[in-house]
Amino acid sequence: MTSQAQSLSAHILPTSATMIGVCMTVMSIGHLGPRDDMRLLIDRLLAVDALVFLASALLSFISMRSRSSGAKLEAWGEMVFIAGLGLLALGAVTLAFALR
């Protein structure tokens, strides 16, 4: 694996872990308001997003530990991370329109 790939995985791993915390924090803050169908949708979206970031972190970790398929796993970790960011942005927009 190239040093650039190792460098990228070394950034994706802690950032994915941080983003899991962001998802959990937003879910917790959401419980301060009234419960409705939109809030339940946002909670579920953020819970799935936390799992997406977990998958990204795992792929990045395994890519750093793997000798043979590290570059491929690192590329998958990057794509999953970008998908997680997209889901988080969708959750943020949904949350913004759900606020009254």
N, C-alpha and C. Protein backbone atom coordinates (compact mmCIF):
# COMPACT_ATOMS: atom_id res chain seq x y z
N MET A 1 0.85 -1.17 0.00
CA MET A 1 0.00 0.00 0.00
C MET A 1 0.89 1.23 0.00
N THR A 2 0.48 2.24 -0.72
CA THR A 2 1.28 3.45 -0.81
C THR A 2 1.15 4.28 0.46
N SER A 3 2.10 5.17 0.64
CA SER A 3 2.05 6.01 1.84
C SER A 3 0.87 6.98 1.78
N GLN A 4 0.44 7.36 0.55
CA GLN A 4 -0.72 8.24 0.42
C GLN A 4 -1.98 7.52 0.91
N ALA A 5 -2.13 6.25 0.56
CA ALA A 5 -3.28 5.49 1.01
C ALA A 5 -3.25 5.32 2.53
N GLN A 6 -2.10 5.02 3.07
CA GLN A 6 -1.99 4.91 4.52
C GLN A 6 -2.34 6.23 5.18
N SER A 7 -1.92 7.32 4.57
CA SER A 7 -2.21 8.63 5.11
C SER A 7 -3.71 8.90 5.10
N LEU A 8 -4.39 8.54 4.01
CA LEU A 8 -5.82 8.77 3.92
C LEU A 8 -6.57 7.91 4.94
N SER A 9 -6.21 6.66 5.07
CA SER A 9 -6.86 5.79 6.05
C SER A 9 -6.64 6.30 7.46
N ALA A 10 -5.46 6.84 7.72
CA ALA A 10 -5.16 7.38 9.04
C ALA A 10 -6.02 8.60 9.35
N HIS A 11 -6.54 9.27 8.33
CA HIS A 11 -7.44 10.40 8.54
C HIS A 11 -8.89 9.95 8.61
N ILE A 12 -9.25 8.97 7.80
CA ILE A 12 -10.63 8.51 7.76
C ILE A 12 -11.02 7.84 9.08
N LEU A 13 -10.12 7.05 9.64
CA LEU A 13 -10.44 6.29 10.86
C LEU A 13 -10.87 7.20 12.02
N PRO A 14 -10.07 8.18 12.44
CA PRO A 14 -10.52 9.00 13.57
C PRO A 14 -11.68 9.92 13.22
N THR A 15 -11.74 10.35 11.98
CA THR A 15 -12.84 11.23 11.58
C THR A 15 -14.16 10.47 11.57
N SER A 16 -14.14 9.22 11.12
CA SER A 16 -15.36 8.40 11.15
C SER A 16 -15.82 8.19 12.59
N ALA A 17 -14.89 7.94 13.48
CA ALA A 17 -15.25 7.76 14.89
C ALA A 17 -15.86 9.05 15.46
N THR A 18 -15.31 10.17 15.08
CA THR A 18 -15.85 11.46 15.51
C THR A 18 -17.26 11.67 14.96
N MET A 19 -17.48 11.28 13.71
CA MET A 19 -18.78 11.47 13.10
C MET A 19 -19.84 10.56 13.74
N ILE A 20 -19.44 9.41 14.24
CA ILE A 20 -20.38 8.57 14.99
C ILE A 20 -20.84 9.34 16.23
N GLY A 21 -19.91 10.00 16.89
CA GLY A 21 -20.26 10.83 18.05
C GLY A 21 -21.17 11.98 17.68
N VAL A 22 -20.94 12.58 16.52
CA VAL A 22 -21.81 13.67 16.06
C VAL A 22 -23.23 13.15 15.85
N CYS A 23 -23.36 12.00 15.21
CA CYS A 23 -24.69 11.42 14.99
C CYS A 23 -25.39 11.15 16.32
N MET A 24 -24.66 10.60 17.27
CA MET A 24 -25.26 10.30 18.57
C MET A 24 -25.64 11.57 19.32
N THR A 25 -24.83 12.61 19.20
CA THR A 25 -25.14 13.88 19.86
C THR A 25 -26.39 14.51 19.29
N VAL A 26 -26.51 14.52 17.97
CA VAL A 26 -27.69 15.11 17.33
C VAL A 26 -28.94 14.31 17.71
N MET A 27 -28.80 12.98 17.76
CA MET A 27 -29.94 12.16 18.18
C MET A 27 -30.36 12.51 19.61
N SER A 28 -29.38 12.71 20.49
CA SER A 28 -29.68 13.06 21.88
C SER A 28 -30.34 14.42 21.99
N ILE A 29 -29.85 15.38 21.24
CA ILE A 29 -30.44 16.72 21.26
C ILE A 29 -31.87 16.67 20.74
N GLY A 30 -32.10 15.82 19.75
CA GLY A 30 -33.44 15.69 19.19
C GLY A 30 -34.46 15.20 20.20
N HIS A 31 -34.02 14.49 21.23
CA HIS A 31 -34.94 13.98 22.24
C HIS A 31 -35.39 15.06 23.22
N LEU A 32 -34.84 16.26 23.11
CA LEU A 32 -35.27 17.36 23.97
C LEU A 32 -36.59 17.96 23.50
N GLY A 33 -36.87 17.82 22.21
CA GLY A 33 -38.09 18.38 21.66
C GLY A 33 -39.23 17.39 21.69
N PRO A 34 -40.37 17.82 21.16
CA PRO A 34 -41.54 16.93 21.13
C PRO A 34 -41.32 15.75 20.17
N ARG A 35 -41.93 14.62 20.50
CA ARG A 35 -41.83 13.41 19.66
C ARG A 35 -42.88 13.47 18.57
N ASP A 36 -42.46 13.34 17.34
CA ASP A 36 -43.40 13.24 16.23
C ASP A 36 -42.80 12.33 15.16
N ASP A 37 -43.52 12.14 14.09
CA ASP A 37 -43.07 11.22 13.04
C ASP A 37 -41.78 11.70 12.37
N MET A 38 -41.63 13.00 12.21
CA MET A 38 -40.43 13.54 11.57
C MET A 38 -39.21 13.30 12.44
N ARG A 39 -39.36 13.47 13.72
CA ARG A 39 -38.24 13.26 14.65
C ARG A 39 -37.82 11.79 14.64
N LEU A 40 -38.80 10.89 14.57
CA LEU A 40 -38.49 9.47 14.49
C LEU A 40 -37.73 9.14 13.21
N LEU A 41 -38.13 9.75 12.11
CA LEU A 41 -37.41 9.56 10.84
C LEU A 41 -35.98 10.05 10.94
N ILE A 42 -35.78 11.20 11.54
CA ILE A 42 -34.43 11.76 11.69
C ILE A 42 -33.59 10.86 12.59
N ASP A 43 -34.16 10.37 13.68
CA ASP A 43 -33.43 9.46 14.58
C ASP A 43 -32.98 8.21 13.84
N ARG A 44 -33.86 7.64 13.06
CA ARG A 44 -33.50 6.43 12.31
C ARG A 44 -32.45 6.72 11.26
N LEU A 45 -32.57 7.84 10.59
CA LEU A 45 -31.58 8.22 9.58
C LEU A 45 -30.20 8.40 10.22
N LEU A 46 -30.15 9.05 11.37
CA LEU A 46 -28.88 9.26 12.05
C LEU A 46 -28.31 7.96 12.62
N ALA A 47 -29.18 7.06 13.06
CA ALA A 47 -28.71 5.76 13.56
C ALA A 47 -28.08 4.95 12.42
N VAL A 48 -28.72 4.95 11.26
CA VAL A 48 -28.14 4.26 10.10
C VAL A 48 -26.83 4.93 9.70
N ASP A 49 -26.81 6.26 9.76
CA ASP A 49 -25.60 6.99 9.40
C ASP A 49 -24.45 6.65 10.34
N ALA A 50 -24.74 6.48 11.62
CA ALA A 50 -23.69 6.09 12.57
C ALA A 50 -23.12 4.72 12.19
N LEU A 51 -23.97 3.81 11.73
CA LEU A 51 -23.49 2.50 11.27
C LEU A 51 -22.66 2.61 10.00
N VAL A 52 -23.02 3.54 9.13
CA VAL A 52 -22.23 3.77 7.91
C VAL A 52 -20.84 4.28 8.28
N PHE A 53 -20.77 5.20 9.22
CA PHE A 53 -19.46 5.70 9.67
C PHE A 53 -18.67 4.60 10.39
N LEU A 54 -19.36 3.72 11.12
CA LEU A 54 -18.68 2.59 11.74
C LEU A 54 -18.06 1.68 10.67
N ALA A 55 -18.80 1.42 9.61
CA ALA A 55 -18.27 0.59 8.51
C ALA A 55 -17.06 1.26 7.88
N SER A 56 -17.11 2.56 7.71
CA SER A 56 -15.98 3.30 7.15
C SER A 56 -14.76 3.20 8.05
N ALA A 57 -14.98 3.34 9.35
CA ALA A 57 -13.86 3.24 10.30
C ALA A 57 -13.26 1.84 10.27
N LEU A 58 -14.10 0.82 10.24
CA LEU A 58 -13.59 -0.55 10.20
C LEU A 58 -12.81 -0.82 8.92
N LEU A 59 -13.34 -0.38 7.79
CA LEU A 59 -12.62 -0.56 6.52
C LEU A 59 -11.27 0.15 6.54
N SER A 60 -11.24 1.34 7.09
CA SER A 60 -9.98 2.08 7.16
C SER A 60 -8.99 1.39 8.08
N PHE A 61 -9.47 0.90 9.21
CA PHE A 61 -8.59 0.20 10.14
C PHE A 61 -8.02 -1.07 9.50
N ILE A 62 -8.90 -1.86 8.89
CA ILE A 62 -8.44 -3.10 8.26
C ILE A 62 -7.49 -2.80 7.12
N SER A 63 -7.73 -1.72 6.39
CA SER A 63 -6.83 -1.38 5.27
C SER A 63 -5.43 -1.04 5.76
N MET A 64 -5.35 -0.44 6.94
CA MET A 64 -4.02 -0.11 7.48
C MET A 64 -3.30 -1.36 7.98
N ARG A 65 -4.06 -2.37 8.37
CA ARG A 65 -3.47 -3.61 8.90
C ARG A 65 -3.21 -4.65 7.82
N SER A 66 -3.84 -4.50 6.66
CA SER A 66 -3.74 -5.50 5.60
C SER A 66 -2.55 -5.21 4.70
N ARG A 67 -1.86 -6.26 4.32
CA ARG A 67 -0.73 -6.09 3.41
C ARG A 67 -1.14 -6.27 1.95
N SER A 68 -2.07 -7.19 1.71
CA SER A 68 -2.38 -7.54 0.33
C SER A 68 -3.49 -6.69 -0.29
N SER A 69 -4.58 -6.46 0.44
CA SER A 69 -5.72 -5.76 -0.15
C SER A 69 -5.98 -4.41 0.52
N GLY A 70 -4.96 -3.82 1.08
CA GLY A 70 -5.12 -2.56 1.80
C GLY A 70 -5.62 -1.42 0.96
N ALA A 71 -5.11 -1.30 -0.27
CA ALA A 71 -5.51 -0.18 -1.13
C ALA A 71 -6.98 -0.29 -1.52
N LYS A 72 -7.43 -1.50 -1.80
CA LYS A 72 -8.84 -1.70 -2.17
C LYS A 72 -9.75 -1.39 -0.99
N LEU A 73 -9.39 -1.87 0.19
CA LEU A 73 -10.19 -1.61 1.38
C LEU A 73 -10.21 -0.13 1.73
N GLU A 74 -9.08 0.52 1.53
CA GLU A 74 -9.00 1.96 1.81
C GLU A 74 -9.92 2.73 0.86
N ALA A 75 -9.97 2.32 -0.40
CA ALA A 75 -10.86 2.98 -1.36
C ALA A 75 -12.32 2.77 -0.97
N TRP A 76 -12.68 1.57 -0.51
CA TRP A 76 -14.03 1.31 -0.04
C TRP A 76 -14.34 2.14 1.20
N GLY A 77 -13.39 2.23 2.10
CA GLY A 77 -13.58 3.05 3.29
C GLY A 77 -13.84 4.50 2.95
N GLU A 78 -13.12 4.99 1.95
CA GLU A 78 -13.32 6.37 1.52
C GLU A 78 -14.71 6.57 0.92
N MET A 79 -15.14 5.64 0.08
CA MET A 79 -16.47 5.76 -0.54
C MET A 79 -17.58 5.68 0.50
N VAL A 80 -17.43 4.78 1.47
CA VAL A 80 -18.44 4.64 2.52
C VAL A 80 -18.46 5.91 3.38
N PHE A 81 -17.28 6.48 3.64
CA PHE A 81 -17.21 7.73 4.41
C PHE A 81 -17.95 8.86 3.69
N ILE A 82 -17.74 8.98 2.39
CA ILE A 82 -18.43 10.03 1.61
C ILE A 82 -19.94 9.80 1.65
N ALA A 83 -20.37 8.53 1.56
CA ALA A 83 -21.79 8.23 1.66
C ALA A 83 -22.33 8.64 3.03
N GLY A 84 -21.56 8.40 4.07
CA GLY A 84 -21.96 8.81 5.42
C GLY A 84 -22.10 10.31 5.53
N LEU A 85 -21.20 11.04 4.91
CA LEU A 85 -21.31 12.50 4.93
C LEU A 85 -22.57 12.96 4.21
N GLY A 86 -22.89 12.30 3.10
CA GLY A 86 -24.11 12.63 2.38
C GLY A 86 -25.35 12.37 3.21
N LEU A 87 -25.38 11.24 3.92
CA LEU A 87 -26.51 10.94 4.80
C LEU A 87 -26.61 11.95 5.94
N LEU A 88 -25.47 12.36 6.47
CA LEU A 88 -25.48 13.34 7.55
C LEU A 88 -26.01 14.69 7.05
N ALA A 89 -25.62 15.07 5.85
CA ALA A 89 -26.14 16.32 5.27
C ALA A 89 -27.65 16.22 5.04
N LEU A 90 -28.11 15.07 4.57
CA LEU A 90 -29.55 14.86 4.39
C LEU A 90 -30.27 14.95 5.73
N GLY A 91 -29.70 14.37 6.76
CA GLY A 91 -30.28 14.46 8.10
C GLY A 91 -30.32 15.89 8.61
N ALA A 92 -29.27 16.65 8.32
CA ALA A 92 -29.24 18.05 8.77
C ALA A 92 -30.31 18.88 8.07
N VAL A 93 -30.48 18.67 6.78
CA VAL A 93 -31.50 19.41 6.04
C VAL A 93 -32.89 19.01 6.53
N THR A 94 -33.10 17.73 6.75
CA THR A 94 -34.39 17.25 7.26
C THR A 94 -34.68 17.84 8.63
N LEU A 95 -33.66 17.86 9.48
CA LEU A 95 -33.81 18.43 10.82
C LEU A 95 -34.13 19.92 10.74
N ALA A 96 -33.49 20.62 9.84
CA ALA A 96 -33.73 22.06 9.72
C ALA A 96 -35.17 22.36 9.32
N PHE A 97 -35.74 21.53 8.45
CA PHE A 97 -37.12 21.76 8.04
C PHE A 97 -38.12 21.21 9.05
N ALA A 98 -37.68 20.32 9.94
CA ALA A 98 -38.58 19.76 10.96
C ALA A 98 -38.75 20.69 12.15
N LEU A 99 -37.80 21.61 12.34
CA LEU A 99 -37.90 22.52 13.48
C LEU A 99 -39.04 23.49 13.29
N ARG A 100 -39.75 23.75 14.37
CA ARG A 100 -40.91 24.64 14.28
C ARG A 100 -40.63 25.95 14.98
